[in-house]
Amino acid sequence: MSIANLPTAYLTIAEVAAALRLSKMTVYRMVRAGTLAADRFGKSYRVPESAVEEYIRASGNPTTEDP
């Protein structure tokens, strides 16, 4: 079984908003701006868990240099 055959876990906009402590409208704006990857299923968006994890890693504190 290859990794391409594994199912991807998707979150709703509401679940992403709760996890990131943001409003749903902010998450929609992030999706439309391309800041957060999402797939459209019919009229609704679903965000892969990996995209949320990537966003959290990218928005974390930058590493500080030693003085």
PDB file of N, CA and C in Angstrom:
ATOM      1  N   MET A   1       0.840  -1.170   0.000  1.00  0.00           N
ATOM      2  CA  MET A   1       0.000   0.000   0.000  1.00  0.00           C
ATOM      3  C   MET A   1       0.888   1.236   0.000  1.00  0.00           C
ATOM      4  N   SER A   2       0.653   2.127  -0.936  1.00  0.00           N
ATOM      5  CA  SER A   2       1.464   3.334  -1.015  1.00  0.00           C
ATOM      6  C   SER A   2       0.813   4.452  -0.217  1.00  0.00           C
ATOM      7  N   ILE A   3       1.600   5.467   0.047  1.00  0.00           N
ATOM      8  CA  ILE A   3       1.100   6.605   0.830  1.00  0.00           C
ATOM      9  C   ILE A   3       0.026   7.365   0.066  1.00  0.00           C
ATOM     10  N   ALA A   4       0.029   7.281  -1.262  1.00  0.00           N
ATOM     11  CA  ALA A   4      -0.976   7.976  -2.055  1.00  0.00           C
ATOM     12  C   ALA A   4      -2.370   7.394  -1.821  1.00  0.00           C
ATOM     13  N   ASN A   5      -2.455   6.157  -1.369  1.00  0.00           N
ATOM     14  CA  ASN A   5      -3.746   5.521  -1.146  1.00  0.00           C
ATOM     15  C   ASN A   5      -4.305   5.766   0.249  1.00  0.00           C
ATOM     16  N   LEU A   6      -3.524   6.379   1.117  1.00  0.00           N
ATOM     17  CA  LEU A   6      -3.992   6.629   2.477  1.00  0.00           C
ATOM     18  C   LEU A   6      -4.993   7.775   2.479  1.00  0.00           C
ATOM     19  N   PRO A   7      -6.051   7.665   3.259  1.00  0.00           N
ATOM     20  CA  PRO A   7      -7.042   8.748   3.307  1.00  0.00           C
ATOM     21  C   PRO A   7      -6.466   9.975   4.020  1.00  0.00           C
ATOM     22  N   THR A   8      -6.868  11.136   3.565  1.00  0.00           N
ATOM     23  CA  THR A   8      -6.459  12.386   4.184  1.00  0.00           C
ATOM     24  C   THR A   8      -7.544  12.821   5.157  1.00  0.00           C
ATOM     25  N   ALA A   9      -7.146  13.194   6.354  1.00  0.00           N
ATOM     26  CA  ALA A   9      -8.102  13.674   7.344  1.00  0.00           C
ATOM     27  C   ALA A   9      -8.394  15.147   7.077  1.00  0.00           C
ATOM     28  N   TYR A  10      -9.660  15.463   6.946  1.00  0.00           N
ATOM     29  CA  TYR A  10     -10.081  16.833   6.672  1.00  0.00           C
ATOM     30  C   TYR A  10     -10.819  17.406   7.861  1.00  0.00           C
ATOM     31  N   LEU A  11     -10.661  18.711   8.057  1.00  0.00           N
ATOM     32  CA  LEU A  11     -11.362  19.441   9.110  1.00  0.00           C
ATOM     33  C   LEU A  11     -12.304  20.453   8.476  1.00  0.00           C
ATOM     34  N   THR A  12     -13.390  20.741   9.151  1.00  0.00           N
ATOM     35  CA  THR A  12     -14.286  21.788   8.678  1.00  0.00           C
ATOM     36  C   THR A  12     -13.695  23.147   9.049  1.00  0.00           C
ATOM     37  N   ILE A  13     -14.246  24.185   8.468  1.00  0.00           N
ATOM     38  CA  ILE A  13     -13.804  25.545   8.797  1.00  0.00           C
ATOM     39  C   ILE A  13     -14.030  25.819  10.281  1.00  0.00           C
ATOM     40  N   ALA A  14     -15.150  25.362  10.814  1.00  0.00           N
ATOM     41  CA  ALA A  14     -15.446  25.574  12.238  1.00  0.00           C
ATOM     42  C   ALA A  14     -14.438  24.860  13.130  1.00  0.00           C
ATOM     43  N   GLU A  15     -14.038  23.649  12.750  1.00  0.00           N
ATOM     44  CA  GLU A  15     -13.055  22.906  13.541  1.00  0.00           C
ATOM     45  C   GLU A  15     -11.695  23.591  13.505  1.00  0.00           C
ATOM     46  N   VAL A  16     -11.315  24.110  12.337  1.00  0.00           N
ATOM     47  CA  VAL A  16     -10.037  24.824  12.212  1.00  0.00           C
ATOM     48  C   VAL A  16     -10.079  26.098  13.051  1.00  0.00           C
ATOM     49  N   ALA A  17     -11.190  26.814  12.973  1.00  0.00           N
ATOM     50  CA  ALA A  17     -11.334  28.050  13.750  1.00  0.00           C
ATOM     51  C   ALA A  17     -11.213  27.775  15.248  1.00  0.00           C
ATOM     52  N   ALA A  18     -11.838  26.713  15.709  1.00  0.00           N
ATOM     53  CA  ALA A  18     -11.757  26.373  17.137  1.00  0.00           C
ATOM     54  C   ALA A  18     -10.338  25.965  17.520  1.00  0.00           C
ATOM     55  N   ALA A  19      -9.673  25.206  16.659  1.00  0.00           N
ATOM     56  CA  ALA A  19      -8.316  24.745  16.966  1.00  0.00           C
ATOM     57  C   ALA A  19      -7.325  25.903  17.011  1.00  0.00           C
ATOM     58  N   LEU A  20      -7.499  26.870  16.111  1.00  0.00           N
ATOM     59  CA  LEU A  20      -6.574  28.002  16.049  1.00  0.00           C
ATOM     60  C   LEU A  20      -7.046  29.200  16.869  1.00  0.00           C
ATOM     61  N   ARG A  21      -8.218  29.064  17.492  1.00  0.00           N
ATOM     62  CA  ARG A  21      -8.823  30.145  18.272  1.00  0.00           C
ATOM     63  C   ARG A  21      -9.003  31.404  17.444  1.00  0.00           C
ATOM     64  N   LEU A  22      -9.584  31.208  16.267  1.00  0.00           N
ATOM     65  CA  LEU A  22      -9.895  32.292  15.346  1.00  0.00           C
ATOM     66  C   LEU A  22     -11.375  32.239  15.024  1.00  0.00           C
ATOM     67  N   SER A  23     -11.883  33.290  14.412  1.00  0.00           N
ATOM     68  CA  SER A  23     -13.271  33.248  13.960  1.00  0.00           C
ATOM     69  C   SER A  23     -13.339  32.477  12.639  1.00  0.00           C
ATOM     70  N   LYS A  24     -14.524  31.982  12.327  1.00  0.00           N
ATOM     71  CA  LYS A  24     -14.703  31.266  11.061  1.00  0.00           C
ATOM     72  C   LYS A  24     -14.417  32.192   9.882  1.00  0.00           C
ATOM     73  N   MET A  25     -14.808  33.452   9.992  1.00  0.00           N
ATOM     74  CA  MET A  25     -14.579  34.401   8.902  1.00  0.00           C
ATOM     75  C   MET A  25     -13.087  34.583   8.650  1.00  0.00           C
ATOM     76  N   THR A  26     -12.287  34.614   9.697  1.00  0.00           N
ATOM     77  CA  THR A  26     -10.842  34.734   9.537  1.00  0.00           C
ATOM     78  C   THR A  26     -10.278  33.527   8.807  1.00  0.00           C
ATOM     79  N   VAL A  27     -10.767  32.342   9.132  1.00  0.00           N
ATOM     80  CA  VAL A  27     -10.298  31.127   8.458  1.00  0.00           C
ATOM     81  C   VAL A  27     -10.709  31.162   6.991  1.00  0.00           C
ATOM     82  N   TYR A  28     -11.945  31.597   6.699  1.00  0.00           N
ATOM     83  CA  TYR A  28     -12.366  31.734   5.301  1.00  0.00           C
ATOM     84  C   TYR A  28     -11.451  32.700   4.548  1.00  0.00           C
ATOM     85  N   ARG A  29     -11.094  33.803   5.186  1.00  0.00           N
ATOM     86  CA  ARG A  29     -10.197  34.780   4.547  1.00  0.00           C
ATOM     87  C   ARG A  29      -8.819  34.174   4.272  1.00  0.00           C
ATOM     88  N   MET A  30      -8.336  33.382   5.226  1.00  0.00           N
ATOM     89  CA  MET A  30      -7.033  32.730   5.046  1.00  0.00           C
ATOM     90  C   MET A  30      -7.074  31.750   3.875  1.00  0.00           C
ATOM     91  N   VAL A  31      -8.170  31.028   3.739  1.00  0.00           N
ATOM     92  CA  VAL A  31      -8.319  30.077   2.633  1.00  0.00           C
ATOM     93  C   VAL A  31      -8.361  30.825   1.309  1.00  0.00           C
ATOM     94  N   ARG A  32      -9.155  31.877   1.242  1.00  0.00           N
ATOM     95  CA  ARG A  32      -9.280  32.650  -0.010  1.00  0.00           C
ATOM     96  C   ARG A  32      -7.972  33.331  -0.384  1.00  0.00           C
ATOM     97  N   ALA A  33      -7.189  33.749   0.611  1.00  0.00           N
ATOM     98  CA  ALA A  33      -5.911  34.417   0.351  1.00  0.00           C
ATOM     99  C   ALA A  33      -4.802  33.423   0.011  1.00  0.00           C
ATOM    100  N   GLY A  34      -5.043  32.147   0.267  1.00  0.00           N
ATOM    101  CA  GLY A  34      -4.024  31.145  -0.009  1.00  0.00           C
ATOM    102  C   GLY A  34      -3.072  30.904   1.145  1.00  0.00           C
ATOM    103  N   THR A  35      -3.338  31.522   2.276  1.00  0.00           N
ATOM    104  CA  THR A  35      -2.505  31.338   3.457  1.00  0.00           C
ATOM    105  C   THR A  35      -2.686  29.948   4.057  1.00  0.00           C
ATOM    106  N   LEU A  36      -3.874  29.404   3.893  1.00  0.00           N
ATOM    107  CA  LEU A  36      -4.216  28.089   4.419  1.00  0.00           C
ATOM    108  C   LEU A  36      -4.806  27.263   3.283  1.00  0.00           C
ATOM    109  N   ALA A  37      -4.190  26.131   3.001  1.00  0.00           N
ATOM    110  CA  ALA A  37      -4.651  25.279   1.912  1.00  0.00           C
ATOM    111  C   ALA A  37      -5.976  24.620   2.275  1.00  0.00           C
ATOM    112  N   ALA A  38      -6.876  24.530   1.303  1.00  0.00           N
ATOM    113  CA  ALA A  38      -8.164  23.885   1.522  1.00  0.00           C
ATOM    114  C   ALA A  38      -8.677  23.327   0.207  1.00  0.00           C
ATOM    115  N   ASP A  39      -9.540  22.348   0.309  1.00  0.00           N
ATOM    116  CA  ASP A  39     -10.194  21.756  -0.858  1.00  0.00           C
ATOM    117  C   ASP A  39     -11.675  22.069  -0.757  1.00  0.00           C
ATOM    118  N   ARG A  40     -12.289  22.231  -1.905  1.00  0.00           N
ATOM    119  CA  ARG A  40     -13.706  22.543  -1.923  1.00  0.00           C
ATOM    120  C   ARG A  40     -14.491  21.287  -2.267  1.00  0.00           C
ATOM    121  N   PHE A  41     -15.449  20.957  -1.437  1.00  0.00           N
ATOM    122  CA  PHE A  41     -16.338  19.827  -1.655  1.00  0.00           C
ATOM    123  C   PHE A  41     -17.745  20.392  -1.776  1.00  0.00           C
ATOM    124  N   GLY A  42     -18.237  20.499  -2.983  1.00  0.00           N
ATOM    125  CA  GLY A  42     -19.542  21.125  -3.183  1.00  0.00           C
ATOM    126  C   GLY A  42     -19.461  22.597  -2.851  1.00  0.00           C
ATOM    127  N   LYS A  43     -20.268  23.020  -1.909  1.00  0.00           N
ATOM    128  CA  LYS A  43     -20.272  24.429  -1.505  1.00  0.00           C
ATOM    129  C   LYS A  43     -19.440  24.700  -0.268  1.00  0.00           C
ATOM    130  N   SER A  44     -18.836  23.676   0.306  1.00  0.00           N
ATOM    131  CA  SER A  44     -18.090  23.880   1.547  1.00  0.00           C
ATOM    132  C   SER A  44     -16.611  23.579   1.371  1.00  0.00           C
ATOM    133  N   TYR A  45     -15.819  24.171   2.224  1.00  0.00           N
ATOM    134  CA  TYR A  45     -14.378  23.954   2.223  1.00  0.00           C
ATOM    135  C   TYR A  45     -14.030  22.928   3.294  1.00  0.00           C
ATOM    136  N   ARG A  46     -13.001  22.156   3.013  1.00  0.00           N
ATOM    137  CA  ARG A  46     -12.428  21.242   3.994  1.00  0.00           C
ATOM    138  C   ARG A  46     -10.928  21.472   3.984  1.00  0.00           C
ATOM    139  N   VAL A  47     -10.350  21.524   5.163  1.00  0.00           N
ATOM    140  CA  VAL A  47      -8.927  21.814   5.313  1.00  0.00           C
ATOM    141  C   VAL A  47      -8.210  20.545   5.772  1.00  0.00           C
ATOM    142  N   PRO A  48      -7.194  20.099   5.036  1.00  0.00           N
ATOM    143  CA  PRO A  48      -6.446  18.929   5.485  1.00  0.00           C
ATOM    144  C   PRO A  48      -5.731  19.210   6.806  1.00  0.00           C
ATOM    145  N   GLU A  49      -5.685  18.210   7.676  1.00  0.00           N
ATOM    146  CA  GLU A  49      -4.986  18.386   8.950  1.00  0.00           C
ATOM    147  C   GLU A  49      -3.544  18.797   8.726  1.00  0.00           C
ATOM    148  N   SER A  50      -2.932  18.264   7.679  1.00  0.00           N
ATOM    149  CA  SER A  50      -1.533  18.594   7.398  1.00  0.00           C
ATOM    150  C   SER A  50      -1.364  20.078   7.084  1.00  0.00           C
ATOM    151  N   ALA A  51      -2.363  20.699   6.458  1.00  0.00           N
ATOM    152  CA  ALA A  51      -2.288  22.132   6.154  1.00  0.00           C
ATOM    153  C   ALA A  51      -2.346  22.956   7.434  1.00  0.00           C
ATOM    154  N   VAL A  52      -3.145  22.518   8.390  1.00  0.00           N
ATOM    155  CA  VAL A  52      -3.232  23.228   9.675  1.00  0.00           C
ATOM    156  C   VAL A  52      -1.910  23.103  10.420  1.00  0.00           C
ATOM    157  N   GLU A  53      -1.348  21.897  10.433  1.00  0.00           N
ATOM    158  CA  GLU A  53      -0.054  21.685  11.100  1.00  0.00           C
ATOM    159  C   GLU A  53       1.037  22.515  10.436  1.00  0.00           C
ATOM    160  N   GLU A  54       1.022  22.585   9.112  1.00  0.00           N
ATOM    161  CA  GLU A  54       2.010  23.385   8.379  1.00  0.00           C
ATOM    162  C   GLU A  54       1.850  24.862   8.723  1.00  0.00           C
ATOM    163  N   TYR A  55       0.621  25.352   8.793  1.00  0.00           N
ATOM    164  CA  TYR A  55       0.374  26.747   9.145  1.00  0.00           C
ATOM    165  C   TYR A  55       0.891  27.054  10.541  1.00  0.00           C
ATOM    166  N   ILE A  56       0.646  26.153  11.479  1.00  0.00           N
ATOM    167  CA  ILE A  56       1.112  26.363  12.852  1.00  0.00           C
ATOM    168  C   ILE A  56       2.632  26.408  12.895  1.00  0.00           C
ATOM    169  N   ARG A  57       3.291  25.492  12.183  1.00  0.00           N
ATOM    170  CA  ARG A  57       4.763  25.493  12.141  1.00  0.00           C
ATOM    171  C   ARG A  57       5.290  26.779  11.514  1.00  0.00           C
ATOM    172  N   ALA A  58       4.670  27.219  10.428  1.00  0.00           N
ATOM    173  CA  ALA A  58       5.140  28.408   9.721  1.00  0.00           C
ATOM    174  C   ALA A  58       4.896  29.689  10.514  1.00  0.00           C
ATOM    175  N   SER A  59       3.849  29.713  11.320  1.00  0.00           N
ATOM    176  CA  SER A  59       3.535  30.936  12.051  1.00  0.00           C
ATOM    177  C   SER A  59       4.141  30.955  13.453  1.00  0.00           C
ATOM    178  N   GLY A  60       4.868  29.925  13.799  1.00  0.00           N
ATOM    179  CA  GLY A  60       5.503  29.859  15.117  1.00  0.00           C
ATOM    180  C   GLY A  60       6.567  30.917  15.275  1.00  0.00           C
ATOM    181  N   ASN A  61       7.107  31.010  16.461  1.00  0.00           N
ATOM    182  CA  ASN A  61       8.153  31.989  16.727  1.00  0.00           C
ATOM    183  C   ASN A  61       9.374  31.698  15.876  1.00  0.00           C
ATOM    184  N   PRO A  62       9.937  32.712  15.246  1.00  0.00           N
ATOM    185  CA  PRO A  62      11.158  32.485  14.481  1.00  0.00           C
ATOM    186  C   PRO A  62      12.309  32.136  15.430  1.00  0.00           C
ATOM    187  N   THR A  63      13.220  31.363  14.952  1.00  0.00           N
ATOM    188  CA  THR A  63      14.355  30.982  15.798  1.00  0.00           C
ATOM    189  C   THR A  63      15.219  32.220  16.022  1.00  0.00           C
ATOM    190  N   THR A  64      15.664  32.347  17.234  1.00  0.00           N
ATOM    191  CA  THR A  64      16.507  33.500  17.576  1.00  0.00           C
ATOM    192  C   THR A  64      17.966  33.111  17.416  1.00  0.00           C
ATOM    193  N   GLU A  65      18.746  34.069  16.976  1.00  0.00           N
ATOM    194  CA  GLU A  65      20.166  33.829  16.808  1.00  0.00           C
ATOM    195  C   GLU A  65      20.881  34.052  18.131  1.00  0.00           C
ATOM    196  N   ASP A  66      21.963  33.343  18.324  1.00  0.00           N
ATOM    197  CA  ASP A  66      22.763  33.547  19.538  1.00  0.00           C
ATOM    198  C   ASP A  66      23.465  34.885  19.467  1.00  0.00           C
ATOM    199  N   PRO A  67      23.441  35.669  20.573  1.00  0.00           N
ATOM    200  CA  PRO A  67      24.100  36.993  20.555  1.00  0.00           C
ATOM    201  C   PRO A  67      25.596  36.906  20.538  1.00  0.00           C
TER     202      PRO A  67
END
